[in-house]
Protein backbone atom coordinates (compact mmCIF):
# COMPACT_ATOMS: atom_id res chain seq x y z
CA UNK A 1 -27.22 8.91 51.28
CA UNK A 2 -24.90 11.30 49.30
CA UNK A 3 -21.35 12.29 50.12
CA UNK A 4 -22.76 16.13 50.71
CA UNK A 5 -25.60 14.37 52.58
CA UNK A 6 -23.65 12.78 55.22
CA UNK A 7 -21.50 16.02 55.78
CA UNK A 8 -22.14 18.36 58.90
CA UNK A 9 -20.24 20.91 57.44
CA UNK A 10 -19.16 21.08 53.47
CA UNK A 11 -15.43 21.66 53.16
CA UNK A 12 -12.81 21.54 50.35
CA UNK A 13 -12.45 17.68 51.24
CA UNK A 14 -15.75 17.14 50.57
CA UNK A 15 -15.99 18.31 47.39
CA UNK A 16 -12.91 16.50 46.35
CA UNK A 17 -14.85 13.25 47.50
CA UNK A 18 -17.83 14.20 45.49
CA UNK A 19 -15.95 14.61 42.11
CA UNK A 20 -14.14 11.21 42.92
CA UNK A 21 -17.38 9.59 43.16
CA UNK A 22 -19.16 11.52 40.10
CA UNK A 23 -21.59 13.13 42.58
CA UNK A 24 -22.65 17.08 41.38
CA UNK A 25 -21.50 19.85 43.35
CA UNK A 26 -24.46 22.70 43.84
CA UNK A 27 -23.45 26.22 44.37
CA UNK A 28 -25.55 29.56 44.48
CA UNK A 29 -24.40 33.39 45.46
CA UNK A 30 -25.83 35.04 48.50
CA UNK A 31 -24.96 38.30 49.74
CA UNK A 32 -26.96 38.56 52.69
CA UNK A 33 -28.20 37.41 55.88
CA UNK A 34 -31.96 36.24 54.92
CA UNK A 35 -31.50 34.87 51.64
CA UNK A 36 -27.98 33.03 52.67
CA UNK A 37 -29.71 31.05 55.33
CA UNK A 38 -32.68 30.08 52.85
CA UNK A 39 -29.78 28.93 50.40
CA UNK A 40 -27.88 27.13 53.03
CA UNK A 41 -31.45 25.48 54.74
CA UNK A 42 -31.96 24.66 50.79
CA UNK A 43 -29.16 21.76 50.89
CA UNK A 44 -26.49 23.71 48.54
CA UNK A 45 -23.20 22.76 48.92
CA UNK A 46 -21.07 26.16 48.00
CA UNK A 47 -22.61 29.54 49.02
CA UNK A 48 -20.45 32.04 46.78
CA UNK A 49 -19.94 35.83 48.01
CA UNK A 50 -19.67 36.90 44.57
CA UNK A 51 -18.70 40.44 43.84
CA UNK A 52 -21.92 40.35 41.06
CA UNK A 53 -23.26 42.13 44.40
CA UNK A 54 -21.94 45.02 42.23
CA UNK A 55 -24.70 44.47 39.76
CA UNK A 56 -27.27 43.02 41.48
CA UNK A 57 -27.31 44.45 45.07
CA UNK A 58 -25.65 48.11 44.25
CA UNK A 59 -26.92 48.25 40.77
CA UNK A 60 -23.28 48.67 38.82
CA UNK A 61 -22.90 47.72 35.22
CA UNK A 62 -19.54 45.91 36.40
CA UNK A 63 -17.91 44.26 39.32
CA UNK A 64 -15.32 46.29 38.93
CA UNK A 65 -16.39 49.15 41.60
CA UNK A 66 -16.66 46.50 44.56
CA UNK A 67 -14.06 47.20 47.29
CA UNK A 68 -12.40 44.77 49.57
CA UNK A 69 -14.53 46.36 52.62
CA UNK A 70 -17.85 45.97 50.49
CA UNK A 71 -16.86 42.19 50.26
CA UNK A 72 -15.82 41.34 53.79
CA UNK A 73 -19.41 43.21 54.66
CA UNK A 74 -21.49 40.90 52.60
CA UNK A 75 -19.41 37.78 53.45
CA UNK A 76 -19.92 38.93 57.17
CA UNK A 77 -23.54 38.70 56.65
CA UNK A 78 -23.40 35.61 54.74
CA UNK A 79 -21.57 33.90 57.26
CA UNK A 80 -24.01 34.36 60.36
CA UNK A 81 -26.86 32.70 58.37
CA UNK A 82 -24.85 29.47 57.11
CA UNK A 83 -24.35 26.50 59.18
CA UNK A 84 -23.63 24.05 56.48
CA UNK A 85 -22.35 24.97 53.16
CA UNK A 86 -18.73 25.76 52.38
CA UNK A 87 -18.35 29.83 51.95
CA UNK A 88 -16.38 31.31 49.20
CA UNK A 89 -15.43 34.99 48.85
CA UNK A 90 -14.62 36.85 45.86
CA UNK A 91 -11.51 38.66 45.92
CA UNK A 92 -12.43 42.11 44.13
CA UNK A 93 -10.81 43.77 41.20
CA UNK A 94 -7.52 45.29 42.34
CA UNK A 95 -6.97 43.26 45.57
CA UNK A 96 -4.64 40.56 43.89
CA UNK A 97 -3.80 41.30 40.26
CA UNK A 98 -0.05 41.84 39.86
CA UNK A 99 0.87 42.08 43.43
CA UNK A 100 1.30 39.00 45.50
CA UNK A 101 1.80 40.55 48.71
CA UNK A 102 -1.48 42.74 48.31
CA UNK A 103 -3.38 39.51 47.39
CA UNK A 104 -2.15 37.77 50.79
CA UNK A 105 -3.05 40.74 52.52
CA UNK A 106 -6.28 41.22 51.18
CA UNK A 107 -6.80 37.37 51.50
CA UNK A 108 -6.09 37.23 55.22
CA UNK A 109 -8.23 40.51 55.86
CA UNK A 110 -11.40 38.56 53.81
CA UNK A 111 -10.82 35.17 56.17
CA UNK A 112 -9.93 37.11 59.41
CA UNK A 113 -13.00 39.59 59.48
CA UNK A 114 -15.72 37.69 57.63
CA UNK A 115 -14.98 34.23 58.77
CA UNK A 116 -15.37 32.72 55.33
CA UNK A 117 -13.86 29.71 54.11
CA UNK A 118 -12.22 30.31 51.09
CA UNK A 119 -11.49 33.14 48.32
CA UNK A 120 -11.92 32.94 44.54
CA UNK A 121 -9.72 34.50 42.21
CA UNK A 122 -9.91 35.22 38.20
CA UNK A 123 -7.41 34.70 35.74
CA UNK A 124 -4.74 32.04 35.37
CA UNK A 125 -1.31 32.14 34.73
CA UNK A 126 -1.16 36.06 35.31
CA UNK A 127 -2.39 35.58 38.94
CA UNK A 128 -0.69 32.30 39.92
CA UNK A 129 1.78 34.09 42.11
CA UNK A 130 -0.81 35.62 43.97
CA UNK A 131 -2.63 32.20 44.67
CA UNK A 132 0.57 30.81 45.80
CA UNK A 133 1.24 33.41 48.30
CA UNK A 134 -2.31 33.20 49.42
CA UNK A 135 -1.92 29.31 50.04
CA UNK A 136 1.19 29.50 52.01
CA UNK A 137 -1.15 31.16 54.83
CA UNK A 138 -3.36 28.11 54.58
CA UNK A 139 -6.11 30.05 52.76
CA UNK A 140 -7.99 27.56 50.36
CA UNK A 141 -8.22 29.13 46.58
CA UNK A 142 -10.69 28.79 44.18
CA UNK A 143 -9.75 29.44 40.60
CA UNK A 144 -12.24 30.92 37.93
CA UNK A 145 -11.42 30.73 33.96
CA UNK A 146 -13.10 31.39 30.89
CA UNK A 147 -15.48 34.52 31.05
CA UNK A 148 -13.75 36.73 34.04
CA UNK A 149 -16.02 39.41 34.32
CA UNK A 150 -13.50 41.82 36.30
CA UNK A 151 -11.70 41.63 33.15
CA UNK A 152 -14.56 42.95 30.87
CA UNK A 153 -12.82 46.12 30.15
CA UNK A 154 -10.08 44.12 28.38
CA UNK A 155 -12.43 41.91 26.24
CA UNK A 156 -15.02 44.12 25.93
CA UNK A 157 -17.86 41.79 25.80
CA UNK A 158 -19.57 39.34 27.62
CA UNK A 159 -19.70 36.60 25.01
CA UNK A 160 -18.46 33.27 24.95
CA UNK A 161 -14.68 32.59 25.60
CA UNK A 162 -12.17 30.24 24.25
CA UNK A 163 -14.29 29.36 20.92
CA UNK A 164 -10.50 29.33 19.19
CA UNK A 165 -8.12 27.23 19.54
CA UNK A 166 -5.15 29.07 21.09
CA UNK A 167 -7.48 30.70 23.48
CA UNK A 168 -8.87 26.86 24.34
CA UNK A 169 -5.35 25.38 24.56
CA UNK A 170 -4.51 28.50 26.83
CA UNK A 171 -7.34 27.82 28.93
CA UNK A 172 -6.68 24.35 29.51
CA UNK A 173 -2.78 25.13 30.35
CA UNK A 174 -4.12 27.66 32.95
CA UNK A 175 -6.51 25.17 34.43
CA UNK A 176 -3.58 22.76 34.73
CA UNK A 177 -1.20 25.01 36.43
CA UNK A 178 -3.75 26.45 38.67
CA UNK A 179 -4.34 22.88 39.89
CA UNK A 180 -0.67 22.56 40.39
CA UNK A 181 -0.92 25.71 42.44
CA UNK A 182 -3.03 24.11 44.90
CA UNK A 183 -6.49 25.78 44.01
CA UNK A 184 -9.27 23.44 45.62
CA UNK A 185 -11.56 23.96 42.33
CA UNK A 186 -12.06 26.34 39.10
CA UNK A 187 -15.48 27.86 38.35
CA UNK A 188 -15.76 27.61 34.42
CA UNK A 189 -17.52 30.41 33.25
CA UNK A 190 -19.31 30.75 29.43
CA UNK A 191 -17.17 28.38 27.71
CA UNK A 192 -18.06 25.60 25.02
CA UNK A 193 -19.09 22.26 26.27
CA UNK A 194 -17.12 20.56 24.56
CA UNK A 195 -14.04 22.55 26.52
CA UNK A 196 -15.42 22.19 29.79
CA UNK A 197 -15.77 18.66 29.34
CA UNK A 198 -11.57 18.69 28.29
CA UNK A 199 -10.91 20.72 31.23
CA UNK A 200 -12.71 18.57 33.60
CA UNK A 201 -11.22 15.40 32.28
CA UNK A 202 -7.59 17.02 32.60
CA UNK A 203 -7.41 18.00 36.11
CA UNK A 204 -8.48 16.25 39.37
CA UNK A 205 -10.11 19.09 41.55
CA UNK A 206 -13.57 19.59 40.83
CA UNK A 207 -14.84 22.03 38.31
CA UNK A 208 -18.12 24.25 38.32
CA UNK A 209 -19.47 25.57 35.57
CA UNK A 210 -21.79 28.55 34.63
CA UNK A 211 -22.66 28.57 31.03
CA UNK A 212 -20.01 25.58 30.26
CA UNK A 213 -22.28 22.81 29.68
CA UNK A 214 -23.22 19.67 31.87
CA UNK A 215 -19.84 18.02 31.83
CA UNK A 216 -18.24 19.69 34.53
CA UNK A 217 -18.70 18.53 38.44
CA UNK A 218 -20.89 21.03 39.40
CA UNK A 219 -23.11 24.32 38.78
CA UNK A 220 -23.37 27.69 39.87
CA UNK A 221 -25.77 30.68 38.99
CA UNK A 222 -26.39 33.92 40.62
CA UNK A 223 -29.15 33.89 42.96
CA UNK A 224 -31.18 36.72 42.04
CA UNK A 225 -30.96 35.53 38.63
CA UNK A 226 -32.37 32.07 39.09
CA UNK A 227 -35.20 33.18 41.39
CA UNK A 228 -36.53 35.97 38.87
CA UNK A 229 -35.47 38.89 41.14
CA UNK A 230 -33.52 40.55 38.39
CA UNK A 231 -35.08 40.42 34.99
CA UNK A 232 -32.45 42.23 32.84
CA UNK A 233 -30.40 39.39 31.79
CA UNK A 234 -31.29 36.43 30.12
CA UNK A 235 -28.49 34.46 28.87
CA UNK A 236 -29.07 30.96 27.31
CA UNK A 237 -27.30 29.15 30.34
CA UNK A 238 -29.80 30.74 33.02
CA UNK A 239 -32.94 28.65 34.18
CA UNK A 240 -35.54 30.74 36.15
CA UNK A 241 -36.81 28.57 39.02
CA UNK A 242 -39.34 31.44 40.05
CA UNK A 243 -40.79 34.82 38.79
CA UNK A 244 -39.93 36.70 42.29
CA UNK A 245 -39.75 40.07 40.37
CA UNK A 246 -43.76 39.98 39.36
CA UNK A 247 -45.00 38.11 42.56
CA UNK A 248 -42.84 41.18 44.92
CA UNK A 249 -44.23 43.72 42.64
CA UNK A 250 -47.91 42.71 43.09
CA UNK A 251 -47.84 42.34 46.66
CA UNK A 252 -46.31 45.49 47.18
CA UNK A 253 -49.24 47.22 44.75
CA UNK A 254 -51.43 44.93 46.98
CA UNK A 255 -49.95 46.35 50.21
CA UNK A 256 -50.22 50.07 48.54
CA UNK A 257 -54.27 49.58 47.77
CA UNK A 258 -54.83 48.11 50.94
CA UNK A 259 -53.54 50.90 53.08
CA UNK A 260 -54.62 53.43 51.04
CA UNK A 261 -58.33 51.92 51.36
CA UNK A 262 -58.56 51.66 54.78
CA UNK A 263 -58.48 47.73 54.40
CA UNK A 264 -54.89 47.43 56.29
CA UNK A 265 -54.73 47.07 59.16
CA UNK A 266 -58.01 45.35 59.92
CA UNK A 267 -59.40 44.76 63.31
CA UNK A 268 -57.23 41.79 64.02
CA UNK A 269 -54.15 43.27 62.80
CA UNK A 270 -54.49 45.69 65.67
CA UNK A 271 -53.82 45.79 69.75
C-alpha cells in the first residue's frame, strides 16, 4: 500500500515521505462542503481552498477581490467535509505582502476561525519575512512560484513564466529561499517543464505543479475546470475528466420540461 494509502490523516510530514519515496502527490481545489466531501472521499492528498474561488464561485476576472473573510468562510465549509486530506488555505491578496505582522495576524485568523491545516502564499524573496513570521506561530506554509495570479496586474498576462534565464534563475533561488525559510512544499505554476525539474531537484521539499510538466512531485488542478463545470478556460495543461456543464444544463432543461408538461411530480413522487 502507498504511503498516502496508509495514512489516516495526510500531514505535511506525509507529503515529505511521499517525495522521498517517489510517490506522486495529488491536490485539487474545493470551496464548499458538498464537493469537498467528494474530493476527500476520492482519495486526494491535499485540498486547496484556493482564492480561485474568486473566479469559479464569485465570477470575478481575477483573484484579487477575495478577502480574508471570504477565504475563511470557504475554508470553514471545506473543513466540515474533510476527514483525511491535508487542507491548505490561500492567503488572499493584501493580507501578507509587505507587512509580516499583518501576515501573521491573517494566518492566525485563518487557522483559528476555519480549522484549516496550513496556508499558502504567492511569491519568493519579496514575502520571505511574512513566511518566517507565520512559521513562528507554528503555522505550516506552502509557497507558490511561477505564475502568481495575485500579481496579474504586475505581469499583465497569464502566459508562461520564467522562459528567460534571468527569471528562471531567480525562481530557483526563490525556491531554495522558501525551503530555507521553512515552507513544507511549493506550488509551481505555468513554467517550462525543464525548469520545474531543476527546481524539484534543487530542493528537498515537495513541488506541486500546475502547468509545470510531469517532473514535479505532484499535481494540482482547479476542481471546477477538471470536472468541466467551467468551460471558458482551456489552457494546455488542463485535462477535463468530465463535461458536467453539458450534463447539468441538460438535466435542468429536462426538469423544466417535466414540470411544464405536468410529468413531474408523477404519482410515485407524491404523498
